[in-house]
Amino acid sequence: MDSNTVWTVNDYMDGCIIGVADYSNSHCIYERIFDEEMDKWSENYYLTPISQVDFSVILHDWERWKKWRLDFDNNQRPISDWKQGIELEVIAKKSSNYRKAIQHGIFIGDWRYCEDMKVKWSTPIIVRSHNFVTTEIVQLC
């Protein structure tokens, strides 16, 4: 398993919930899958490839959040100062490749700022393509 860059962690609760990471030479929104039967978060993620334009917008928003977080951690800004950022779910749902793959992911590193954070994706569990499901490894975009 190769390591891939994690660009953002937009939500975290006992693990990375949603953000942007690389997979198969593509920038993807990852969304952690909640296991209803077990009533807990699984280690599996939906992956949605995104355009370079969306990626740039998301990274700009992420840099804004990191600056606010650093100021907040240094008692330079109150919590009420935070302005809601981009909702990744909205960007993912507009993609024709929405939830294209399901992968098992292991995240490594400090999630708060994503400095040198990596993810190891396992062999694909599911890749969706043109109304059928396969377990083949394919290029996402």
N, C-alpha and C. Protein backbone atom coordinates (compact mmCIF):
# COMPACT_ATOMS: atom_id res chain seq x y z
N MET A 1 0.84 -1.19 0.00
CA MET A 1 0.00 0.00 0.00
C MET A 1 0.88 1.24 0.00
N ASP A 2 0.72 2.08 -1.01
CA ASP A 2 1.43 3.35 -1.07
C ASP A 2 0.73 4.39 -0.21
N SER A 3 1.50 5.35 0.27
CA SER A 3 0.92 6.47 1.01
C SER A 3 0.49 7.55 0.03
N ASN A 4 -0.63 8.19 0.32
CA ASN A 4 -1.15 9.28 -0.49
C ASN A 4 -1.30 10.52 0.38
N THR A 5 -1.17 11.68 -0.24
CA THR A 5 -1.27 12.94 0.49
C THR A 5 -2.70 13.21 0.94
N VAL A 6 -2.84 13.62 2.20
CA VAL A 6 -4.11 14.12 2.72
C VAL A 6 -4.00 15.64 2.69
N TRP A 7 -4.88 16.29 1.96
CA TRP A 7 -4.84 17.73 1.80
C TRP A 7 -5.65 18.45 2.86
N THR A 8 -6.81 17.90 3.22
CA THR A 8 -7.66 18.54 4.23
C THR A 8 -8.35 17.48 5.08
N VAL A 9 -8.67 17.86 6.30
CA VAL A 9 -9.55 17.09 7.18
C VAL A 9 -10.61 18.07 7.64
N ASN A 10 -11.74 18.09 6.95
CA ASN A 10 -12.78 19.08 7.22
C ASN A 10 -13.70 18.69 8.37
N ASP A 11 -13.68 17.44 8.75
CA ASP A 11 -14.44 16.99 9.92
C ASP A 11 -13.70 15.80 10.52
N TYR A 12 -13.66 15.76 11.86
CA TYR A 12 -12.93 14.72 12.57
C TYR A 12 -13.71 14.34 13.83
N MET A 13 -13.93 13.05 14.00
CA MET A 13 -14.53 12.52 15.22
C MET A 13 -14.06 11.08 15.37
N ASP A 14 -13.11 10.87 16.25
CA ASP A 14 -12.49 9.54 16.40
C ASP A 14 -11.92 9.04 15.07
N GLY A 15 -11.48 9.95 14.24
CA GLY A 15 -10.92 9.63 12.93
C GLY A 15 -11.40 10.63 11.89
N CYS A 16 -10.77 10.60 10.74
CA CYS A 16 -11.11 11.53 9.66
C CYS A 16 -12.48 11.17 9.09
N ILE A 17 -13.38 12.18 9.02
CA ILE A 17 -14.74 11.97 8.52
C ILE A 17 -14.87 12.39 7.07
N ILE A 18 -14.41 13.60 6.76
CA ILE A 18 -14.51 14.10 5.38
C ILE A 18 -13.37 15.07 5.13
N GLY A 19 -12.88 15.06 3.90
CA GLY A 19 -11.79 15.95 3.51
C GLY A 19 -11.36 15.63 2.09
N VAL A 20 -10.14 16.02 1.76
CA VAL A 20 -9.59 15.77 0.43
C VAL A 20 -8.26 15.04 0.58
N ALA A 21 -8.12 13.98 -0.21
CA ALA A 21 -6.87 13.22 -0.25
C ALA A 21 -6.67 12.71 -1.67
N ASP A 22 -5.45 12.30 -1.96
CA ASP A 22 -5.16 11.75 -3.28
C ASP A 22 -5.44 10.25 -3.31
N TYR A 23 -5.85 9.79 -4.48
CA TYR A 23 -6.01 8.37 -4.75
C TYR A 23 -5.84 8.16 -6.25
N SER A 24 -5.00 7.24 -6.63
CA SER A 24 -4.83 6.86 -8.03
C SER A 24 -4.59 8.10 -8.91
N ASN A 25 -3.66 8.95 -8.48
CA ASN A 25 -3.29 10.16 -9.22
C ASN A 25 -4.44 11.15 -9.40
N SER A 26 -5.43 11.12 -8.53
CA SER A 26 -6.56 12.05 -8.57
C SER A 26 -6.77 12.65 -7.19
N HIS A 27 -7.22 13.91 -7.18
CA HIS A 27 -7.67 14.52 -5.93
C HIS A 27 -9.10 14.06 -5.71
N CYS A 28 -9.40 13.56 -4.51
CA CYS A 28 -10.73 13.03 -4.21
C CYS A 28 -11.25 13.56 -2.88
N ILE A 29 -12.56 13.77 -2.83
CA ILE A 29 -13.21 13.99 -1.55
C ILE A 29 -13.44 12.62 -0.95
N TYR A 30 -12.99 12.43 0.29
CA TYR A 30 -13.26 11.17 0.98
C TYR A 30 -14.36 11.43 2.01
N GLU A 31 -15.26 10.46 2.16
CA GLU A 31 -16.34 10.54 3.14
C GLU A 31 -16.39 9.22 3.90
N ARG A 32 -16.16 9.28 5.18
CA ARG A 32 -16.17 8.08 6.01
C ARG A 32 -17.58 7.50 6.06
N ILE A 33 -17.67 6.19 6.01
CA ILE A 33 -18.96 5.50 5.98
C ILE A 33 -19.34 5.07 7.39
N PHE A 34 -20.54 5.47 7.81
CA PHE A 34 -21.06 5.07 9.12
C PHE A 34 -21.73 3.71 9.00
N ASP A 35 -21.33 2.76 9.84
CA ASP A 35 -21.89 1.42 9.85
C ASP A 35 -23.12 1.42 10.76
N GLU A 36 -24.29 1.46 10.14
CA GLU A 36 -25.55 1.52 10.91
C GLU A 36 -25.73 0.29 11.79
N GLU A 37 -25.36 -0.86 11.27
CA GLU A 37 -25.53 -2.11 12.02
C GLU A 37 -24.67 -2.14 13.28
N MET A 38 -23.43 -1.69 13.16
CA MET A 38 -22.51 -1.65 14.30
C MET A 38 -22.65 -0.37 15.13
N ASP A 39 -23.38 0.61 14.59
CA ASP A 39 -23.60 1.90 15.23
C ASP A 39 -22.28 2.61 15.54
N LYS A 40 -21.37 2.60 14.54
CA LYS A 40 -20.10 3.30 14.69
C LYS A 40 -19.51 3.56 13.31
N TRP A 41 -18.49 4.43 13.28
CA TRP A 41 -17.81 4.73 12.03
C TRP A 41 -16.98 3.52 11.59
N SER A 42 -17.04 3.20 10.32
CA SER A 42 -16.21 2.13 9.77
C SER A 42 -14.86 2.73 9.37
N GLU A 43 -13.98 1.92 8.84
CA GLU A 43 -12.70 2.39 8.31
C GLU A 43 -12.79 2.50 6.78
N ASN A 44 -14.00 2.48 6.24
CA ASN A 44 -14.21 2.56 4.80
C ASN A 44 -14.69 3.95 4.41
N TYR A 45 -14.31 4.37 3.22
CA TYR A 45 -14.59 5.73 2.75
C TYR A 45 -15.11 5.70 1.32
N TYR A 46 -16.10 6.55 1.05
CA TYR A 46 -16.47 6.84 -0.33
C TYR A 46 -15.43 7.80 -0.88
N LEU A 47 -15.05 7.61 -2.14
CA LEU A 47 -14.12 8.53 -2.81
C LEU A 47 -14.81 9.13 -4.02
N THR A 48 -14.74 10.45 -4.13
CA THR A 48 -15.31 11.18 -5.26
C THR A 48 -14.20 12.03 -5.88
N PRO A 49 -13.78 11.71 -7.11
CA PRO A 49 -12.77 12.55 -7.78
C PRO A 49 -13.33 13.95 -8.02
N ILE A 50 -12.46 14.96 -7.90
CA ILE A 50 -12.88 16.35 -8.11
C ILE A 50 -11.99 17.01 -9.16
N SER A 51 -12.49 18.10 -9.72
CA SER A 51 -11.75 18.85 -10.74
C SER A 51 -10.63 19.66 -10.09
N GLN A 52 -9.69 20.10 -10.91
CA GLN A 52 -8.61 20.95 -10.42
C GLN A 52 -9.15 22.28 -9.90
N VAL A 53 -10.20 22.79 -10.54
CA VAL A 53 -10.82 24.04 -10.08
C VAL A 53 -11.40 23.86 -8.69
N ASP A 54 -12.18 22.79 -8.48
CA ASP A 54 -12.74 22.53 -7.14
C ASP A 54 -11.63 22.32 -6.12
N PHE A 55 -10.58 21.61 -6.51
CA PHE A 55 -9.46 21.36 -5.61
C PHE A 55 -8.82 22.68 -5.17
N SER A 56 -8.61 23.60 -6.11
CA SER A 56 -8.00 24.90 -5.79
C SER A 56 -8.88 25.70 -4.83
N VAL A 57 -10.19 25.70 -5.06
CA VAL A 57 -11.12 26.42 -4.19
C VAL A 57 -11.09 25.82 -2.78
N ILE A 58 -11.09 24.51 -2.70
CA ILE A 58 -11.07 23.82 -1.40
C ILE A 58 -9.77 24.13 -0.65
N LEU A 59 -8.63 24.10 -1.36
CA LEU A 59 -7.35 24.40 -0.71
C LEU A 59 -7.29 25.85 -0.21
N HIS A 60 -7.85 26.77 -0.97
CA HIS A 60 -7.90 28.17 -0.54
C HIS A 60 -8.70 28.28 0.77
N ASP A 61 -9.84 27.62 0.81
CA ASP A 61 -10.68 27.62 2.01
C ASP A 61 -9.95 26.96 3.18
N TRP A 62 -9.22 25.87 2.90
CA TRP A 62 -8.47 25.17 3.94
C TRP A 62 -7.38 26.07 4.54
N GLU A 63 -6.68 26.83 3.71
CA GLU A 63 -5.65 27.75 4.20
C GLU A 63 -6.27 28.82 5.10
N ARG A 64 -7.46 29.29 4.75
CA ARG A 64 -8.19 30.26 5.56
C ARG A 64 -8.51 29.65 6.94
N TRP A 65 -8.96 28.38 6.92
CA TRP A 65 -9.28 27.70 8.19
C TRP A 65 -8.03 27.50 9.04
N LYS A 66 -6.91 27.09 8.43
CA LYS A 66 -5.68 26.87 9.20
C LYS A 66 -5.22 28.16 9.87
N LYS A 67 -5.32 29.28 9.16
CA LYS A 67 -4.93 30.56 9.76
C LYS A 67 -5.83 30.90 10.94
N TRP A 68 -7.15 30.73 10.75
CA TRP A 68 -8.07 31.00 11.86
C TRP A 68 -7.77 30.08 13.04
N ARG A 69 -7.53 28.80 12.79
CA ARG A 69 -7.27 27.83 13.87
C ARG A 69 -6.01 28.18 14.64
N LEU A 70 -4.97 28.57 13.91
CA LEU A 70 -3.71 28.96 14.56
C LEU A 70 -3.93 30.18 15.45
N ASP A 71 -4.66 31.19 14.93
CA ASP A 71 -4.98 32.37 15.74
C ASP A 71 -5.81 31.99 16.96
N PHE A 72 -6.79 31.11 16.77
CA PHE A 72 -7.64 30.67 17.87
C PHE A 72 -6.81 29.94 18.93
N ASP A 73 -5.93 29.03 18.49
CA ASP A 73 -5.09 28.29 19.42
C ASP A 73 -4.16 29.21 20.22
N ASN A 74 -3.82 30.36 19.65
CA ASN A 74 -2.96 31.34 20.32
C ASN A 74 -3.75 32.44 21.02
N ASN A 75 -5.05 32.17 21.25
CA ASN A 75 -5.96 33.10 21.94
C ASN A 75 -6.04 34.47 21.27
N GLN A 76 -5.92 34.48 19.94
CA GLN A 76 -6.00 35.74 19.20
C GLN A 76 -7.36 35.93 18.53
N ARG A 77 -8.22 34.91 18.55
CA ARG A 77 -9.56 35.02 17.96
C ARG A 77 -10.54 34.22 18.79
N PRO A 78 -11.75 34.75 18.96
CA PRO A 78 -12.79 33.97 19.66
C PRO A 78 -13.43 32.96 18.71
N ILE A 79 -14.02 31.93 19.26
CA ILE A 79 -14.68 30.90 18.46
C ILE A 79 -15.77 31.50 17.59
N SER A 80 -16.41 32.55 18.07
CA SER A 80 -17.50 33.17 17.32
C SER A 80 -17.02 33.86 16.05
N ASP A 81 -15.71 34.03 15.92
CA ASP A 81 -15.11 34.66 14.75
C ASP A 81 -15.12 33.76 13.50
N TRP A 82 -15.28 32.46 13.70
CA TRP A 82 -15.19 31.53 12.58
C TRP A 82 -16.38 31.66 11.64
N LYS A 83 -16.10 31.76 10.36
CA LYS A 83 -17.14 31.78 9.31
C LYS A 83 -17.12 30.42 8.62
N GLN A 84 -18.28 29.81 8.49
CA GLN A 84 -18.40 28.48 7.88
C GLN A 84 -17.73 28.45 6.51
N GLY A 85 -17.00 27.41 6.25
CA GLY A 85 -16.31 27.27 4.98
C GLY A 85 -17.12 26.47 3.97
N ILE A 86 -16.45 26.01 2.98
CA ILE A 86 -17.05 25.24 1.89
C ILE A 86 -17.57 23.91 2.43
N GLU A 87 -18.74 23.49 1.97
CA GLU A 87 -19.27 22.18 2.35
C GLU A 87 -18.88 21.18 1.27
N LEU A 88 -17.99 20.27 1.63
CA LEU A 88 -17.48 19.31 0.65
C LEU A 88 -18.56 18.40 0.10
N GLU A 89 -19.58 18.11 0.91
CA GLU A 89 -20.66 17.24 0.44
C GLU A 89 -21.35 17.83 -0.78
N VAL A 90 -21.49 19.15 -0.81
CA VAL A 90 -22.13 19.83 -1.94
C VAL A 90 -21.29 19.67 -3.19
N ILE A 91 -19.97 19.85 -3.07
CA ILE A 91 -19.08 19.67 -4.23
C ILE A 91 -19.10 18.22 -4.69
N ALA A 92 -19.04 17.29 -3.76
CA ALA A 92 -19.03 15.87 -4.13
C ALA A 92 -20.30 15.47 -4.88
N LYS A 93 -21.45 15.91 -4.38
CA LYS A 93 -22.73 15.51 -4.98
C LYS A 93 -22.93 16.04 -6.39
N LYS A 94 -22.27 17.14 -6.75
CA LYS A 94 -22.42 17.68 -8.10
C LYS A 94 -21.54 16.94 -9.13
N SER A 95 -20.65 16.09 -8.66
CA SER A 95 -19.73 15.37 -9.54
C SER A 95 -20.43 14.20 -10.23
N SER A 96 -20.10 14.00 -11.51
CA SER A 96 -20.63 12.83 -12.22
C SER A 96 -19.99 11.55 -11.69
N ASN A 97 -18.92 11.69 -10.94
CA ASN A 97 -18.23 10.53 -10.34
C ASN A 97 -18.52 10.42 -8.85
N TYR A 98 -19.69 10.92 -8.41
CA TYR A 98 -20.05 10.93 -6.99
C TYR A 98 -19.95 9.52 -6.39
N ARG A 99 -19.18 9.43 -5.32
CA ARG A 99 -18.96 8.16 -4.61
C ARG A 99 -18.56 7.04 -5.56
N LYS A 100 -17.58 7.34 -6.40
CA LYS A 100 -17.10 6.43 -7.45
C LYS A 100 -16.51 5.15 -6.87
N ALA A 101 -15.88 5.24 -5.71
CA ALA A 101 -15.21 4.07 -5.13
C ALA A 101 -15.44 4.02 -3.63
N ILE A 102 -15.30 2.82 -3.09
CA ILE A 102 -15.25 2.61 -1.64
C ILE A 102 -13.90 1.98 -1.34
N GLN A 103 -13.16 2.61 -0.43
CA GLN A 103 -11.82 2.15 -0.06
C GLN A 103 -11.71 2.03 1.45
N HIS A 104 -10.89 1.10 1.89
CA HIS A 104 -10.49 1.03 3.30
C HIS A 104 -9.30 1.98 3.45
N GLY A 105 -9.35 2.89 4.44
CA GLY A 105 -8.28 3.86 4.59
C GLY A 105 -7.69 3.88 5.98
N ILE A 106 -6.37 4.04 6.04
CA ILE A 106 -5.65 4.21 7.30
C ILE A 106 -4.94 5.55 7.22
N PHE A 107 -5.33 6.49 8.09
CA PHE A 107 -4.77 7.84 8.10
C PHE A 107 -3.64 7.92 9.11
N ILE A 108 -2.55 8.61 8.71
CA ILE A 108 -1.35 8.71 9.52
C ILE A 108 -0.96 10.19 9.63
N GLY A 109 -0.80 10.69 10.85
CA GLY A 109 -0.34 12.06 11.04
C GLY A 109 -1.32 12.89 11.84
N ASP A 110 -0.96 14.17 12.03
CA ASP A 110 -1.77 15.11 12.82
C ASP A 110 -2.85 15.71 11.94
N TRP A 111 -4.09 15.45 12.28
CA TRP A 111 -5.23 15.85 11.46
C TRP A 111 -5.53 17.34 11.51
N ARG A 112 -5.11 18.05 12.55
CA ARG A 112 -5.52 19.44 12.72
C ARG A 112 -5.03 20.37 11.62
N TYR A 113 -3.81 20.17 11.16
CA TYR A 113 -3.28 21.05 10.12
C TYR A 113 -2.86 20.27 8.86
N CYS A 114 -2.90 18.96 8.92
CA CYS A 114 -2.55 18.09 7.79
C CYS A 114 -1.10 18.25 7.33
N GLU A 115 -0.23 18.69 8.20
CA GLU A 115 1.18 18.80 7.83
C GLU A 115 1.75 17.40 7.70
N ASP A 116 2.15 17.04 6.52
CA ASP A 116 2.74 15.72 6.24
C ASP A 116 1.80 14.57 6.56
N MET A 117 0.50 14.79 6.52
CA MET A 117 -0.46 13.72 6.78
C MET A 117 -0.61 12.85 5.54
N LYS A 118 -0.75 11.56 5.77
CA LYS A 118 -0.86 10.59 4.68
C LYS A 118 -2.04 9.65 4.94
N VAL A 119 -2.46 8.99 3.88
CA VAL A 119 -3.47 7.93 3.99
C VAL A 119 -2.99 6.76 3.15
N LYS A 120 -3.21 5.57 3.67
CA LYS A 120 -2.94 4.35 2.91
C LYS A 120 -4.28 3.73 2.55
N TRP A 121 -4.55 3.69 1.24
CA TRP A 121 -5.78 3.07 0.75
C TRP A 121 -5.49 1.62 0.42
N SER A 122 -6.40 0.73 0.77
CA SER A 122 -6.24 -0.68 0.43
C SER A 122 -6.74 -0.91 -0.99
N THR A 123 -6.71 -2.16 -1.41
CA THR A 123 -7.30 -2.53 -2.69
C THR A 123 -8.77 -2.11 -2.68
N PRO A 124 -9.27 -1.57 -3.79
CA PRO A 124 -10.66 -1.09 -3.80
C PRO A 124 -11.65 -2.16 -3.36
N ILE A 125 -12.60 -1.73 -2.56
CA ILE A 125 -13.70 -2.61 -2.18
C ILE A 125 -14.73 -2.61 -3.29
N ILE A 126 -15.06 -1.41 -3.77
CA ILE A 126 -16.03 -1.26 -4.85
C ILE A 126 -15.64 -0.06 -5.70
N VAL A 127 -15.74 -0.20 -7.00
CA VAL A 127 -15.61 0.93 -7.92
C VAL A 127 -16.85 0.91 -8.79
N ARG A 128 -17.57 2.04 -8.81
CA ARG A 128 -18.80 2.14 -9.61
C ARG A 128 -18.47 2.75 -10.96
N SER A 129 -19.04 2.16 -12.00
CA SER A 129 -18.83 2.70 -13.34
C SER A 129 -20.00 2.32 -14.23
N HIS A 130 -20.67 3.31 -14.78
CA HIS A 130 -21.75 3.10 -15.75
C HIS A 130 -22.77 2.05 -15.29
N ASN A 131 -23.31 2.26 -14.11
CA ASN A 131 -24.40 1.42 -13.58
C ASN A 131 -24.01 -0.02 -13.27
N PHE A 132 -22.72 -0.30 -13.15
CA PHE A 132 -22.35 -1.62 -12.64
C PHE A 132 -21.24 -1.46 -11.62
N VAL A 133 -21.04 -2.48 -10.83
CA VAL A 133 -20.07 -2.44 -9.75
C VAL A 133 -18.99 -3.46 -10.03
N THR A 134 -17.74 -3.07 -9.78
CA THR A 134 -16.62 -3.98 -9.99
C THR A 134 -15.63 -3.81 -8.84
N THR A 135 -14.76 -4.76 -8.67
CA THR A 135 -13.69 -4.62 -7.67
C THR A 135 -12.34 -4.44 -8.36
N GLU A 136 -12.34 -4.16 -9.65
CA GLU A 136 -11.10 -3.93 -10.36
C GLU A 136 -10.49 -2.60 -9.93
N ILE A 137 -9.15 -2.54 -10.00
CA ILE A 137 -8.48 -1.28 -9.74
C ILE A 137 -8.53 -0.50 -11.05
N VAL A 138 -9.09 0.69 -10.99
CA VAL A 138 -9.21 1.52 -12.20
C VAL A 138 -8.79 2.95 -11.88
N GLN A 139 -8.43 3.68 -12.92
CA GLN A 139 -8.17 5.11 -12.79
C GLN A 139 -9.51 5.79 -12.53
N LEU A 140 -9.58 6.64 -11.53
CA LEU A 140 -10.86 7.26 -11.17
C LEU A 140 -11.32 8.32 -12.15
N CYS A 141 -10.43 9.05 -12.74
CA CYS A 141 -10.86 10.13 -13.64
C CYS A 141 -10.61 9.75 -15.09
